[in-house]
Amino acid sequence: MLTIAIWLALNLNFLYAQKAAVTSENLREWVSYLASDNMMGRRNGSPEMKIAADWIAEKFREMGLKPVVPSVDYIQNYTFTSRQNLVNERNVIGMLEGSDPSLKDEYIMLSAHFDHVGIRRGSKPDSIYNGADDNAAGIAAIIGIAKAIMESGRKPGRSIVFAAFSGEESGMRGSRNFVANSPIPLKKIYANLNFEMIGHSEYLGKKKYYMTGCLMSDLDDIIGEYNKNTAFQLVDTIKVAHFLFGSSDNIAFSRIATASGITTGIPSGTFATTTMAPHIHNVTDEVSLFDFDNMADLVNHFSGVVQWLSIRKEEVKWTDKSFVKPE
């Protein structure tokens, strides 16, 4: 087995290059675009959501990602009904193909949602819910991870799928649609790492984050093993983290089907630095409150985590016996 210590020793140049791959300026630019007033709060079904999806697709293209299904480019269209109205929406999906012949047909899913709640008249100081931390931050994170990995010059072992989901604020519609119509075999997905609300550092401190679902699988322990050789910490004492496991797009992967008390799904977790902070679903969720230096550190760190997971031979295991992997 290639231990993390040996891997780090063999890849010092890679890790050093990673450190500067994504800058605070990159992240500020990306988050500022998605969370601008021009995006009108990115409500599902709005014209701004199509603009956002096209922008994300262009960023995926710039980072060198390929469409999972070349014939449809990066866009996965779908519809859902909300309050008796038909909503047309889209996910944006890109992929970096793995290089290890024995692992490249397995996939690490990196995901984040790009929708928010739109405009709510009468709110103060304005009516636009910009959704900077929830969740322009997560989208900027997966774009940044793609940038860092591509610029490292080292291809991952497993293939990596980058998914920007719409419909999260309407009941995880986009991620559930992806799972129901997956262009890749679900049983070949190694794990899902979902990113949300990572723009603030005042709640946990610098270089710290938490993961939902720590009680469900050993994904947190695996990442903790990686962190032993870094300045970063996965905080596993957040009381609401277990509850939040079912509150973001990761749950679409972990709860594919349930029968006789057993849930079939893929080990997953959402990574965040904020829980139920006052700015969430509030007009105060603004770019001006971000710690972009800390966010850049986290994004570069996670690019290393993903590379490590992509070559790791052991599977991610459910520790909660009521969950099983797809066969």
Protein backbone atom coordinates (compact mmCIF):
# COMPACT_ATOMS: atom_id res chain seq x y z
CA MET A 1 0.00 0.00 0.00
CA LEU A 2 1.24 3.49 -0.86
CA THR A 3 1.00 5.34 2.44
CA ILE A 4 0.25 9.01 2.62
CA ALA A 5 3.73 9.74 4.01
CA ILE A 6 5.42 8.01 1.07
CA TRP A 7 3.07 9.70 -1.40
CA LEU A 8 3.85 13.09 0.05
CA ALA A 9 7.57 12.42 -0.07
CA LEU A 10 7.33 11.48 -3.73
CA ASN A 11 5.19 14.46 -4.64
CA LEU A 12 6.72 17.47 -2.89
CA ASN A 13 7.10 19.35 -6.16
CA PHE A 14 3.47 18.68 -7.00
CA LEU A 15 2.28 19.95 -3.62
CA TYR A 16 4.46 23.02 -3.82
CA ALA A 17 3.05 23.85 -7.26
CA GLN A 18 -0.46 23.36 -5.92
CA LYS A 19 0.03 25.98 -3.24
CA ALA A 20 -0.10 28.84 -5.71
CA ALA A 21 -2.36 27.26 -8.34
CA VAL A 22 -5.52 28.96 -7.11
CA THR A 23 -5.28 32.47 -5.72
CA SER A 24 -7.60 34.55 -3.62
CA GLU A 25 -7.96 36.82 -6.66
CA ASN A 26 -9.21 33.89 -8.76
CA LEU A 27 -11.81 33.02 -6.19
CA ARG A 28 -12.91 36.60 -5.65
CA GLU A 29 -13.46 37.00 -9.39
CA TRP A 30 -15.51 33.81 -9.73
CA VAL A 31 -17.63 34.29 -6.61
CA SER A 32 -18.20 37.96 -7.42
CA TYR A 33 -19.54 37.05 -10.86
CA LEU A 34 -21.99 34.41 -9.65
CA ALA A 35 -23.11 36.40 -6.61
CA SER A 36 -23.45 39.77 -8.35
CA ASP A 37 -26.72 41.70 -8.32
CA ASN A 38 -26.90 41.08 -12.08
CA MET A 39 -27.55 37.39 -11.30
CA MET A 40 -30.69 38.38 -9.33
CA GLY A 41 -30.22 35.67 -6.71
CA ARG A 42 -30.04 32.78 -9.23
CA ARG A 43 -33.55 31.45 -8.68
CA ASN A 44 -34.32 28.15 -10.39
CA GLY A 45 -35.99 28.64 -13.75
CA SER A 46 -34.78 32.22 -14.12
CA PRO A 47 -32.88 33.53 -17.18
CA GLU A 48 -29.92 34.18 -14.90
CA MET A 49 -29.59 30.46 -14.15
CA LYS A 50 -28.99 29.76 -17.84
CA ILE A 51 -26.39 32.54 -17.92
CA ALA A 52 -24.73 31.03 -14.85
CA ALA A 53 -24.73 27.52 -16.37
CA ASP A 54 -23.17 28.76 -19.60
CA TRP A 55 -20.51 30.61 -17.60
CA ILE A 56 -19.67 27.50 -15.55
CA ALA A 57 -19.46 25.41 -18.73
CA GLU A 58 -17.02 27.93 -20.17
CA LYS A 59 -14.92 27.76 -16.99
CA PHE A 60 -14.87 23.96 -17.22
CA ARG A 61 -13.69 24.31 -20.80
CA GLU A 62 -10.99 26.80 -19.79
CA MET A 63 -9.73 24.40 -17.10
CA GLY A 64 -9.36 21.61 -19.63
CA LEU A 65 -12.26 19.45 -18.49
CA LYS A 66 -14.07 17.35 -21.08
CA PRO A 67 -17.82 16.75 -21.33
CA VAL A 68 -18.87 13.41 -19.82
CA VAL A 69 -21.18 12.99 -22.80
CA PRO A 70 -19.47 14.70 -25.76
CA SER A 71 -22.63 14.78 -27.88
CA VAL A 72 -24.42 17.07 -25.41
CA ASP A 73 -21.40 19.16 -24.40
CA TYR A 74 -21.35 20.04 -20.67
CA ILE A 75 -25.07 20.64 -20.16
CA GLN A 76 -27.53 18.10 -18.72
CA ASN A 77 -31.05 19.49 -19.22
CA TYR A 78 -34.00 18.42 -17.06
CA THR A 79 -37.38 19.69 -15.89
CA PHE A 80 -39.34 19.60 -12.66
CA THR A 81 -42.66 20.93 -11.42
CA SER A 82 -42.83 23.58 -8.70
CA ARG A 83 -46.16 25.00 -7.53
CA GLN A 84 -47.80 23.54 -10.64
CA ASN A 85 -45.30 25.33 -12.88
CA LEU A 86 -42.88 23.50 -15.17
CA VAL A 87 -39.29 24.58 -14.46
CA ASN A 88 -36.59 24.07 -17.09
CA GLU A 89 -33.16 23.67 -15.54
CA ARG A 90 -29.73 22.29 -16.27
CA ASN A 91 -26.70 20.77 -14.59
CA VAL A 92 -23.17 21.38 -15.82
CA ILE A 93 -20.95 18.29 -15.90
CA GLY A 94 -17.25 18.02 -16.82
CA MET A 95 -14.65 15.30 -16.39
CA LEU A 96 -10.92 14.79 -16.05
CA GLU A 97 -10.07 11.28 -17.22
CA GLY A 98 -7.93 9.14 -14.94
CA SER A 99 -4.56 7.74 -15.95
CA ASP A 100 -4.29 4.51 -13.94
CA PRO A 101 -5.49 1.60 -16.14
CA SER A 102 -6.79 -0.25 -13.09
CA LEU A 103 -8.63 2.77 -11.61
CA LYS A 104 -9.62 5.08 -14.48
CA ASP A 105 -13.05 3.45 -14.85
CA GLU A 106 -13.87 4.50 -11.29
CA TYR A 107 -14.97 8.05 -10.52
CA ILE A 108 -14.65 10.64 -7.79
CA MET A 109 -17.64 12.99 -7.89
CA LEU A 110 -16.94 16.60 -6.94
CA SER A 111 -20.10 18.67 -6.73
CA ALA A 112 -21.63 21.98 -5.70
CA HIS A 113 -24.90 23.76 -6.45
CA PHE A 114 -25.17 27.10 -8.21
CA ASP A 115 -28.82 28.04 -7.61
CA HIS A 116 -30.12 30.23 -4.80
CA VAL A 117 -33.47 31.72 -3.77
CA GLY A 118 -33.76 34.80 -5.98
CA ILE A 119 -35.42 38.04 -4.88
CA ARG A 120 -37.65 38.53 -1.85
CA ARG A 121 -39.38 41.86 -1.88
CA GLY A 122 -39.32 43.94 1.27
CA SER A 123 -36.05 42.53 2.61
CA LYS A 124 -33.48 44.92 4.04
CA PRO A 125 -31.02 46.40 3.12
CA ASP A 126 -31.95 45.11 -0.38
CA SER A 127 -34.13 42.40 -1.86
CA ILE A 128 -31.52 40.32 -3.76
CA TYR A 129 -30.39 37.15 -2.02
CA ASN A 130 -26.97 36.99 -3.69
CA GLY A 131 -26.01 33.57 -2.29
CA ALA A 132 -22.27 34.18 -2.16
CA ASP A 133 -21.46 31.55 0.48
CA ASP A 134 -24.54 29.51 -0.46
CA ASN A 135 -23.30 28.57 -2.90
CA ALA A 136 -21.19 30.56 -5.32
CA ALA A 137 -18.39 29.55 -2.96
CA GLY A 138 -18.83 25.84 -3.68
CA ILE A 139 -18.86 26.38 -7.44
CA ALA A 140 -15.68 28.47 -7.21
CA ALA A 141 -14.15 25.64 -5.17
CA ILE A 142 -14.71 22.93 -7.78
CA ILE A 143 -13.51 25.22 -10.57
CA GLY A 144 -10.43 25.93 -8.47
CA ILE A 145 -9.78 22.26 -7.77
CA ALA A 146 -9.94 21.58 -11.51
CA LYS A 147 -7.48 24.42 -12.13
CA ALA A 148 -5.05 23.20 -9.48
CA ILE A 149 -5.06 19.61 -10.68
CA MET A 150 -4.68 20.53 -14.34
CA GLU A 151 -1.84 22.96 -13.62
CA SER A 152 -0.03 20.38 -11.50
CA GLY A 153 0.74 18.42 -14.66
CA ARG A 154 -0.10 15.16 -12.86
CA LYS A 155 -3.14 13.22 -13.99
CA PRO A 156 -5.25 11.56 -11.31
CA GLY A 157 -5.53 7.80 -11.04
CA ARG A 158 -9.30 7.63 -10.97
CA SER A 159 -11.39 9.81 -13.28
CA ILE A 160 -12.83 12.92 -11.63
CA VAL A 161 -16.30 14.23 -12.45
CA PHE A 162 -17.02 17.89 -11.71
CA ALA A 163 -20.75 18.55 -11.29
CA ALA A 164 -22.43 21.94 -10.89
CA PHE A 165 -26.02 21.25 -9.88
CA SER A 166 -29.07 23.46 -10.12
CA GLY A 167 -32.24 22.76 -8.15
CA GLU A 168 -30.65 22.24 -4.74
CA GLU A 169 -32.81 24.92 -3.16
CA SER A 170 -35.87 23.19 -4.64
CA GLY A 171 -35.21 19.79 -3.07
CA MET A 172 -31.92 18.64 -4.59
CA ARG A 173 -33.63 18.38 -7.99
CA GLY A 174 -30.47 18.62 -10.09
CA SER A 175 -28.41 16.06 -8.19
CA ARG A 176 -31.35 13.66 -7.98
CA ASN A 177 -31.86 14.00 -11.73
CA PHE A 178 -28.18 13.28 -12.31
CA VAL A 179 -28.34 10.13 -10.20
CA ALA A 180 -31.55 8.98 -11.93
CA ASN A 181 -30.02 9.58 -15.37
CA SER A 182 -26.34 9.11 -14.63
CA PRO A 183 -24.01 9.12 -17.65
CA ILE A 184 -21.57 7.02 -15.61
CA PRO A 185 -22.23 3.73 -13.76
CA LEU A 186 -23.27 4.58 -10.20
CA LYS A 187 -21.54 1.50 -8.83
CA LYS A 188 -18.27 2.85 -10.21
CA ILE A 189 -18.43 6.09 -8.19
CA TYR A 190 -15.77 5.87 -5.48
CA ALA A 191 -17.11 8.75 -3.35
CA ASN A 192 -18.89 12.10 -3.60
CA LEU A 193 -17.28 15.23 -2.16
CA ASN A 194 -19.79 18.06 -2.14
CA PHE A 195 -18.76 21.67 -1.42
CA GLU A 196 -20.91 24.35 0.14
CA MET A 197 -20.43 27.44 2.31
CA ILE A 198 -16.63 27.57 2.49
CA GLY A 199 -16.12 31.33 2.17
CA HIS A 200 -15.98 32.18 5.89
CA SER A 201 -13.30 31.43 8.49
CA GLU A 202 -14.68 33.18 11.57
CA TYR A 203 -16.72 30.20 12.74
CA LEU A 204 -14.10 27.42 12.80
CA GLY A 205 -10.83 29.30 12.30
CA LYS A 206 -8.23 29.28 9.57
CA LYS A 207 -7.56 26.08 7.62
CA LYS A 208 -10.40 24.23 9.33
CA TYR A 209 -13.52 22.67 7.84
CA TYR A 210 -16.09 20.05 8.69
CA MET A 211 -17.76 17.22 6.80
CA THR A 212 -21.36 16.09 7.07
CA GLY A 213 -21.84 12.36 7.40
CA CYS A 214 -18.83 11.60 9.61
CA LEU A 215 -20.90 8.96 11.39
CA MET A 216 -21.89 7.25 8.13
CA SER A 217 -18.64 6.28 6.39
CA ASP A 218 -14.88 6.32 6.90
CA LEU A 219 -14.38 9.11 4.35
CA ASP A 220 -13.62 11.55 7.18
CA ASP A 221 -11.01 9.18 8.64
CA ILE A 222 -9.34 8.81 5.26
CA ILE A 223 -9.11 12.58 4.84
CA GLY A 224 -7.95 12.86 8.44
CA GLU A 225 -5.09 10.52 7.53
CA TYR A 226 -4.09 12.91 4.75
CA ASN A 227 -4.40 15.92 7.06
CA LYS A 228 -1.87 14.54 9.55
CA ASN A 229 0.87 15.73 7.23
CA THR A 230 -0.64 19.18 6.66
CA ALA A 231 -1.69 22.30 8.57
CA PHE A 232 -5.37 21.57 7.88
CA GLN A 233 -7.96 20.08 10.20
CA LEU A 234 -11.25 18.31 9.57
CA VAL A 235 -13.30 19.26 12.63
CA ASP A 236 -15.49 16.31 13.62
CA THR A 237 -17.20 17.84 16.67
CA ILE A 238 -19.84 19.93 14.88
CA LYS A 239 -23.12 18.89 16.50
CA VAL A 240 -25.39 19.71 13.55
CA ALA A 241 -23.14 18.01 10.95
CA HIS A 242 -25.06 14.74 11.26
CA PHE A 243 -28.37 16.53 10.66
CA LEU A 244 -26.93 18.47 7.69
CA PHE A 245 -25.94 15.20 5.98
CA GLY A 246 -29.37 15.14 4.34
CA SER A 247 -29.50 18.86 3.55
CA SER A 248 -27.34 19.16 0.46
CA ASP A 249 -26.65 17.42 -2.84
CA ASN A 250 -24.45 14.71 -1.33
CA ILE A 251 -27.60 12.94 -0.12
CA ALA A 252 -28.69 12.20 -3.71
CA PHE A 253 -25.63 9.95 -4.01
CA SER A 254 -25.80 8.38 -0.56
CA ARG A 255 -29.53 7.65 -0.69
CA ILE A 256 -30.11 6.21 -4.15
CA ALA A 257 -32.73 3.70 -2.96
CA THR A 258 -34.10 2.45 0.36
CA ALA A 259 -35.78 -0.89 0.98
CA SER A 260 -36.38 -2.93 4.15
CA GLY A 261 -34.48 -0.41 6.23
CA ILE A 262 -31.33 -0.61 4.10
CA THR A 263 -30.18 2.37 2.04
CA THR A 264 -28.18 1.81 -1.14
CA GLY A 265 -25.79 4.60 -1.93
CA ILE A 266 -22.32 6.01 -2.42
CA PRO A 267 -20.28 7.32 0.53
CA SER A 268 -20.47 11.09 0.50
CA GLY A 269 -20.17 14.24 2.54
CA THR A 270 -20.55 17.98 2.22
CA PHE A 271 -17.49 20.04 3.14
CA ALA A 272 -18.11 23.46 4.66
CA THR A 273 -16.77 26.05 7.10
CA THR A 274 -20.17 27.40 8.19
CA THR A 275 -23.23 25.69 9.63
CA MET A 276 -26.43 27.67 10.22
CA ALA A 277 -24.80 31.10 10.27
CA PRO A 278 -26.92 34.30 10.21
CA HIS A 279 -25.90 35.11 6.62
CA ILE A 280 -27.28 31.85 5.19
CA HIS A 281 -30.51 32.49 3.21
CA ASN A 282 -30.21 36.13 4.05
CA VAL A 283 -29.55 39.27 2.02
CA THR A 284 -26.31 39.60 4.02
CA ASP A 285 -24.71 36.63 2.20
CA GLU A 286 -22.30 38.91 0.37
CA VAL A 287 -18.84 38.60 -1.21
CA SER A 288 -17.52 41.38 1.03
CA LEU A 289 -17.67 39.08 4.08
CA PHE A 290 -15.40 36.37 2.63
CA ASP A 291 -11.94 35.37 3.78
CA PHE A 292 -10.59 34.68 0.31
CA ASP A 293 -7.05 33.94 1.52
CA ASN A 294 -8.34 31.12 3.71
CA MET A 295 -10.64 29.92 0.95
CA ALA A 296 -7.71 29.73 -1.47
CA ASP A 297 -5.76 27.68 1.07
CA LEU A 298 -8.71 25.29 1.39
CA VAL A 299 -9.20 24.90 -2.36
CA ASN A 300 -5.54 24.15 -2.95
CA HIS A 301 -5.60 21.74 -0.03
CA PHE A 302 -8.62 19.90 -1.44
CA SER A 303 -6.92 19.53 -4.81
CA GLY A 304 -4.30 17.50 -2.96
CA VAL A 305 -6.97 15.51 -1.10
CA VAL A 306 -8.65 14.63 -4.40
CA GLN A 307 -5.38 13.58 -6.00
CA TRP A 308 -4.67 11.37 -3.00
CA LEU A 309 -8.11 9.78 -3.15
CA SER A 310 -7.70 9.21 -6.88
CA ILE A 311 -4.75 6.85 -6.36
CA ARG A 312 -5.81 5.24 -3.10
CA LYS A 313 -6.35 1.50 -3.59
CA GLU A 314 -8.67 0.87 -0.65
CA GLU A 315 -12.38 1.57 -1.04
CA VAL A 316 -14.32 4.10 1.00
CA LYS A 317 -16.49 2.07 3.36
CA TRP A 318 -19.83 2.65 4.97
CA THR A 319 -19.52 2.43 8.76
CA ASP A 320 -23.27 2.78 9.31
CA LYS A 321 -24.62 -0.73 8.72
CA SER A 322 -27.92 0.60 7.38
CA PHE A 323 -26.06 1.76 4.24
CA VAL A 324 -24.65 -0.43 1.45
CA LYS A 325 -22.93 0.34 -1.84
CA PRO A 326 -24.59 -0.26 -5.22
CA GLU A 327 -23.84 -3.65 -6.75
